[in-house]
Amino acid sequence: MNLFKVIISVVTLTFMLATLSTMASSVEEGREALQNEDYVLALEHFKPLAEEGNSDAQAFLGGMYLVGEGVDQDFEKAASWLKLAAGQGDAIAQNNLGWLYQNGSGVSRNYQEAMKWYRQAAEQGVDGSQENLALIYYYGRGVKRDYSEAARWFELAAEQGLPKSQGYLGDMYYFGNGVSVDHERSAQLFRLSAEQGDPSSQYQLGVLYLHGEGVAQDDTMAAEWFHKAAEQGHELAQYNLGAMYENGWGVEQDHTKSVHWYQKAAEQGVEEAKDVLDEFAAQGIDESMDN
């Protein structure tokens, strides 16, 4: 055995391990600097590593150019770095690159490329990519609309807790788009999303309680969820809440609150709310009583 060659090989391997360890350390230091909003220090760590081909550093650097953290926002530079990282399998870079292609930022808009990168990230479990891919299928952007495929990806994102996906999937189970009609499942999904503060799901859950679909009919619960959504500016929830205060459904009858919520809905263009306010005016009910 050639002892000299063995020694050289060991030294080379040790040097490589030390280099990889240093690179990993620098990426972590750059990540920490980024979290602390020390963008100058983050760039000092990321840029040389990115130029050496480190995918993590390339992804971080691309992300900084994408949102303009520590650098001028530059979608073309973001795309350049993200392509390098995405090509090496970095899931976050793949998702962000998909977004650039979908929106035509820094690259020509190309839904097929967007789907390609979203799918690669989604298959690695990135919840945002799963949701983005689902939305493309749901609306048929650049592809034929496919509710079944949309539901499949919404399901995966919903399982990871994304409220928007939970809401979309709840709607699909309610109407039977891409899945079988299941009002109980719809209510479960709307609740998961509503509890995270999504106003559309709060409104939808209120509707289910109002009509007793997928849940036991309960005006009080309907009013509670309408109120949560209305407080966040959901115009239909505001209208429904106005109606509930007008009629005393699930709440104590209160014309002052009724007018308040009808006005809020009318200000957002709900014609039915304007009609009710006109009727109130004709009956001599003061629309300004809540001011």
Protein backbone atom coordinates (compact mmCIF):
# COMPACT_ATOMS: atom_id res chain seq x y z
CA MET A 1 0.00 0.00 0.00
CA ASN A 2 1.22 3.46 -0.86
CA LEU A 3 1.18 5.20 2.54
CA PHE A 4 1.86 8.61 0.96
CA LYS A 5 -1.31 8.40 -1.13
CA VAL A 6 -3.38 7.32 1.87
CA ILE A 7 -2.16 10.29 3.90
CA ILE A 8 -2.90 12.71 1.05
CA SER A 9 -6.42 11.29 0.69
CA VAL A 10 -7.17 11.68 4.39
CA VAL A 11 -5.87 15.24 4.41
CA THR A 12 -7.97 16.08 1.34
CA LEU A 13 -11.09 14.59 2.92
CA THR A 14 -10.46 16.45 6.16
CA PHE A 15 -10.03 19.70 4.24
CA MET A 16 -13.30 19.10 2.38
CA LEU A 17 -15.20 18.41 5.59
CA ALA A 18 -13.75 21.51 7.19
CA THR A 19 -14.77 23.58 4.17
CA LEU A 20 -18.33 22.24 4.24
CA SER A 21 -18.53 22.90 7.96
CA THR A 22 -17.35 26.49 7.45
CA MET A 23 -19.90 27.01 4.66
CA ALA A 24 -22.70 25.67 6.84
CA SER A 25 -21.60 27.90 9.69
CA SER A 26 -21.54 30.95 7.41
CA VAL A 27 -25.02 30.19 6.09
CA GLU A 28 -26.34 29.91 9.63
CA GLU A 29 -24.61 33.15 10.60
CA GLY A 30 -26.13 34.80 7.53
CA ARG A 31 -29.57 33.44 8.43
CA GLU A 32 -29.21 34.79 11.97
CA ALA A 33 -28.11 38.18 10.65
CA LEU A 34 -31.12 38.22 8.33
CA GLN A 35 -33.47 37.45 11.21
CA ASN A 36 -31.87 40.29 13.17
CA GLU A 37 -32.33 42.59 10.15
CA ASP A 38 -28.58 43.07 9.87
CA TYR A 39 -28.66 42.94 6.09
CA VAL A 40 -25.09 44.11 5.53
CA LEU A 41 -23.74 41.21 7.58
CA ALA A 42 -26.16 38.79 5.92
CA LEU A 43 -24.88 39.82 2.49
CA GLU A 44 -21.29 39.38 3.64
CA HIS A 45 -22.08 35.76 4.48
CA PHE A 46 -24.41 34.88 1.62
CA LYS A 47 -22.83 36.49 -1.45
CA PRO A 48 -19.46 34.71 -1.51
CA LEU A 49 -21.09 31.37 -0.71
CA ALA A 50 -23.72 31.92 -3.40
CA GLU A 51 -21.00 32.67 -5.93
CA GLU A 52 -19.30 29.40 -4.92
CA GLY A 53 -22.53 27.51 -5.67
CA ASN A 54 -24.06 27.05 -2.22
CA SER A 55 -27.80 26.57 -2.83
CA ASP A 56 -28.89 27.81 0.60
CA ALA A 57 -26.96 31.04 0.16
CA GLN A 58 -28.30 31.43 -3.39
CA ALA A 59 -31.86 30.99 -2.13
CA PHE A 60 -31.38 33.51 0.66
CA LEU A 61 -29.72 36.02 -1.66
CA GLY A 62 -32.50 35.57 -4.22
CA GLY A 63 -35.03 36.13 -1.46
CA MET A 64 -33.34 39.36 -0.40
CA TYR A 65 -33.54 40.71 -3.95
CA LEU A 66 -37.12 39.47 -4.22
CA VAL A 67 -38.40 41.56 -1.30
CA GLY A 68 -35.71 44.26 -1.23
CA GLU A 69 -34.14 43.41 2.12
CA GLY A 70 -30.73 45.08 2.41
CA VAL A 71 -30.63 45.57 -1.36
CA ASP A 72 -32.71 47.41 -3.92
CA GLN A 73 -35.60 45.19 -4.96
CA ASP A 74 -34.59 43.61 -8.24
CA PHE A 75 -36.71 40.81 -9.67
CA GLU A 76 -34.21 40.00 -12.41
CA LYS A 77 -31.38 39.45 -9.91
CA ALA A 78 -33.80 37.53 -7.69
CA ALA A 79 -34.69 35.26 -10.60
CA SER A 80 -31.04 34.75 -11.47
CA TRP A 81 -30.11 33.54 -7.98
CA LEU A 82 -33.31 31.61 -7.44
CA LYS A 83 -32.83 29.68 -10.69
CA LEU A 84 -29.43 28.51 -9.47
CA ALA A 85 -30.80 27.41 -6.10
CA ALA A 86 -33.97 25.90 -7.55
CA GLY A 87 -31.93 23.89 -10.02
CA GLN A 88 -30.12 22.34 -7.06
CA GLY A 89 -33.42 21.33 -5.48
CA ASP A 90 -33.94 24.12 -2.93
CA ALA A 91 -37.69 23.99 -2.26
CA ILE A 92 -38.14 27.59 -1.10
CA ALA A 93 -36.24 28.87 -4.12
CA GLN A 94 -38.45 26.71 -6.34
CA ASN A 95 -41.57 28.22 -4.80
CA ASN A 96 -40.29 31.79 -5.13
CA LEU A 97 -39.18 31.19 -8.70
CA GLY A 98 -42.64 29.83 -9.48
CA TRP A 99 -44.11 33.06 -8.13
CA LEU A 100 -41.86 35.13 -10.39
CA TYR A 101 -42.93 33.15 -13.44
CA GLN A 102 -46.59 33.32 -12.47
CA ASN A 103 -46.47 37.09 -12.09
CA GLY A 104 -44.00 37.86 -14.87
CA SER A 105 -41.62 39.58 -12.46
CA GLY A 106 -37.99 39.51 -13.58
CA VAL A 107 -38.89 36.86 -16.14
CA SER A 108 -41.52 36.56 -18.87
CA ARG A 109 -44.84 35.35 -17.49
CA ASN A 110 -45.06 31.62 -18.06
CA TYR A 111 -47.65 29.56 -16.21
CA GLN A 112 -46.09 26.30 -17.32
CA GLU A 113 -42.77 27.26 -15.77
CA ALA A 114 -44.60 28.49 -12.67
CA MET A 115 -46.37 25.15 -12.35
CA LYS A 116 -43.14 23.25 -12.92
CA TRP A 117 -41.40 24.97 -10.01
CA TYR A 118 -44.46 25.04 -7.74
CA ARG A 119 -44.90 21.31 -8.30
CA GLN A 120 -41.29 20.51 -7.46
CA ALA A 121 -41.55 22.50 -4.23
CA ALA A 122 -45.02 21.12 -3.46
CA GLU A 123 -43.74 17.56 -3.80
CA GLN A 124 -41.13 18.45 -1.19
CA GLY A 125 -43.94 19.47 1.15
CA VAL A 126 -43.86 23.27 0.85
CA ASP A 127 -47.39 24.25 1.89
CA GLY A 128 -47.36 27.57 0.04
CA SER A 129 -46.45 25.80 -3.20
CA GLN A 130 -49.21 23.28 -2.70
CA GLU A 131 -51.66 26.14 -2.28
CA ASN A 132 -50.27 28.08 -5.25
CA LEU A 133 -50.51 25.02 -7.48
CA ALA A 134 -54.06 24.38 -6.28
CA LEU A 135 -55.07 27.96 -7.11
CA ILE A 136 -53.69 27.65 -10.65
CA TYR A 137 -55.82 24.54 -11.22
CA TYR A 138 -58.83 26.08 -9.47
CA TYR A 139 -58.91 29.17 -11.67
CA GLY A 140 -57.48 27.52 -14.79
CA ARG A 141 -54.58 29.91 -15.16
CA GLY A 142 -52.51 28.71 -18.09
CA VAL A 143 -54.09 25.26 -17.84
CA LYS A 144 -57.55 23.79 -18.19
CA ARG A 145 -59.51 24.28 -14.97
CA ASP A 146 -59.34 21.08 -12.95
CA TYR A 147 -61.24 21.10 -9.65
CA SER A 148 -60.16 17.55 -8.78
CA GLU A 149 -56.48 18.43 -9.07
CA ALA A 150 -57.08 21.68 -7.21
CA ALA A 151 -58.79 19.78 -4.38
CA ARG A 152 -55.88 17.35 -4.16
CA TRP A 153 -53.36 20.11 -3.60
CA PHE A 154 -55.65 22.18 -1.37
CA GLU A 155 -56.08 19.06 0.78
CA LEU A 156 -52.32 18.77 1.31
CA ALA A 157 -51.94 22.46 2.12
CA ALA A 158 -55.01 22.37 4.39
CA GLU A 159 -53.52 19.46 6.32
CA GLN A 160 -50.52 21.68 7.01
CA GLY A 161 -52.83 24.35 8.43
CA LEU A 162 -53.06 26.96 5.69
CA PRO A 163 -56.34 28.82 6.36
CA LYS A 164 -56.84 29.93 2.75
CA SER A 165 -56.61 26.34 1.51
CA GLN A 166 -58.94 25.18 4.26
CA GLY A 167 -61.46 27.81 3.19
CA TYR A 168 -61.25 26.98 -0.51
CA LEU A 169 -61.56 23.28 0.24
CA GLY A 170 -64.52 23.92 2.53
CA ASP A 171 -66.23 25.74 -0.34
CA MET A 172 -65.47 22.87 -2.71
CA TYR A 173 -67.00 20.31 -0.33
CA TYR A 174 -70.06 22.53 0.06
CA PHE A 175 -70.73 22.81 -3.67
CA GLY A 176 -69.20 19.48 -4.75
CA ASN A 177 -66.51 20.95 -6.98
CA GLY A 178 -63.84 18.30 -7.53
CA VAL A 179 -65.09 16.34 -4.51
CA SER A 180 -68.39 14.83 -3.38
CA VAL A 181 -70.77 17.18 -1.57
CA ASP A 182 -70.15 16.88 2.16
CA HIS A 183 -71.52 19.70 4.32
CA GLU A 184 -70.09 18.26 7.52
CA ARG A 185 -66.61 18.17 6.04
CA SER A 186 -67.22 21.66 4.67
CA ALA A 187 -68.11 22.92 8.14
CA GLN A 188 -65.03 21.27 9.66
CA LEU A 189 -62.74 22.99 7.16
CA PHE A 190 -64.42 26.37 7.48
CA ARG A 191 -64.06 26.11 11.25
CA LEU A 192 -60.34 25.34 11.04
CA SER A 193 -59.84 28.37 8.81
CA ALA A 194 -62.22 30.60 10.78
CA GLU A 195 -60.46 29.86 14.04
CA GLN A 196 -57.28 31.18 12.44
CA GLY A 197 -59.07 34.45 11.71
CA ASP A 198 -59.96 34.07 8.03
CA PRO A 199 -62.98 36.39 7.52
CA SER A 200 -64.38 34.57 4.49
CA SER A 201 -64.45 31.28 6.38
CA GLN A 202 -65.95 32.99 9.42
CA TYR A 203 -68.74 34.27 7.20
CA GLN A 204 -69.26 30.88 5.54
CA LEU A 205 -69.38 29.12 8.91
CA GLY A 206 -71.98 31.66 10.02
CA VAL A 207 -74.07 30.82 6.94
CA LEU A 208 -73.88 27.10 7.76
CA TYR A 209 -75.08 27.75 11.32
CA LEU A 210 -77.84 30.02 10.03
CA HIS A 211 -79.20 27.31 7.73
CA GLY A 212 -78.20 24.25 9.77
CA GLU A 213 -76.04 22.72 7.05
CA GLY A 214 -73.25 20.44 8.30
CA VAL A 215 -73.90 21.73 11.83
CA ALA A 216 -76.92 22.02 14.08
CA GLN A 217 -78.93 25.15 13.26
CA ASP A 218 -77.95 27.87 15.73
CA ASP A 219 -78.72 31.57 15.23
CA THR A 220 -76.53 32.56 18.16
CA MET A 221 -73.49 30.85 16.68
CA ALA A 222 -74.32 32.29 13.26
CA ALA A 223 -74.39 35.79 14.71
CA GLU A 224 -71.12 35.17 16.55
CA TRP A 225 -69.26 34.17 13.39
CA PHE A 226 -70.88 36.93 11.33
CA HIS A 227 -69.69 39.41 13.95
CA LYS A 228 -66.11 38.16 13.77
CA ALA A 229 -66.11 38.46 9.98
CA ALA A 230 -67.93 41.80 10.00
CA GLU A 231 -65.35 43.30 12.35
CA GLN A 232 -62.73 42.43 9.72
CA GLY A 233 -64.68 44.22 7.02
CA HIS A 234 -66.49 41.33 5.33
CA GLU A 235 -69.38 43.12 3.63
CA LEU A 236 -71.82 40.19 3.42
CA ALA A 237 -71.24 39.36 7.08
CA GLN A 238 -71.96 43.00 7.89
CA TYR A 239 -75.23 42.82 5.95
CA ASN A 240 -76.28 39.56 7.61
CA LEU A 241 -75.38 40.90 11.04
CA GLY A 242 -77.50 43.95 10.34
CA ALA A 243 -80.41 41.66 9.50
CA MET A 244 -79.92 39.64 12.68
CA TYR A 245 -79.95 42.75 14.87
CA GLU A 246 -82.97 44.05 12.98
CA ASN A 247 -84.95 40.87 13.60
CA GLY A 248 -83.45 39.68 16.89
CA TRP A 249 -82.09 36.45 15.42
CA GLY A 250 -79.45 35.03 17.74
CA VAL A 251 -78.94 38.47 19.31
CA GLU A 252 -81.06 40.92 21.23
CA GLN A 253 -82.98 43.07 18.77
CA ASP A 254 -81.20 46.40 18.41
CA HIS A 255 -82.05 48.84 15.63
CA THR A 256 -79.05 51.03 16.40
CA LYS A 257 -76.66 48.14 15.79
CA SER A 258 -78.75 47.01 12.85
CA VAL A 259 -78.35 50.39 11.15
CA HIS A 260 -74.64 50.45 12.00
CA TRP A 261 -73.94 47.18 10.21
CA TYR A 262 -76.23 47.92 7.29
CA GLN A 263 -74.35 51.19 6.80
CA LYS A 264 -71.02 49.39 6.88
CA ALA A 265 -72.24 46.95 4.22
CA ALA A 266 -73.77 49.74 2.11
CA GLU A 267 -70.47 51.64 2.17
CA GLN A 268 -68.89 48.60 0.52
CA GLY A 269 -71.50 48.49 -2.20
CA VAL A 270 -74.00 45.91 -0.94
CA GLU A 271 -77.16 47.03 -2.73
CA GLU A 272 -79.48 45.09 -0.43
CA ALA A 273 -78.12 47.05 2.53
CA LYS A 274 -78.78 50.33 0.71
CA ASP A 275 -82.35 49.20 0.03
CA VAL A 276 -82.93 48.39 3.71
CA LEU A 277 -81.56 51.77 4.74
CA ASP A 278 -83.90 53.46 2.25
CA GLU A 279 -86.80 51.56 3.80
CA PHE A 280 -85.69 52.63 7.26
CA ALA A 281 -85.57 56.24 6.08
CA ALA A 282 -89.08 55.95 4.66
CA GLN A 283 -90.25 54.60 8.03
CA GLY A 284 -88.62 57.51 9.84
CA ILE A 285 -85.81 55.46 11.38
CA ASP A 286 -82.77 57.73 11.78
CA GLU A 287 -79.81 56.28 9.85
CA SER A 288 -77.36 58.36 11.86
CA MET A 289 -78.47 57.01 15.22
CA ASP A 290 -75.24 55.06 15.61
CA ASN A 291 -72.97 58.08 15.07
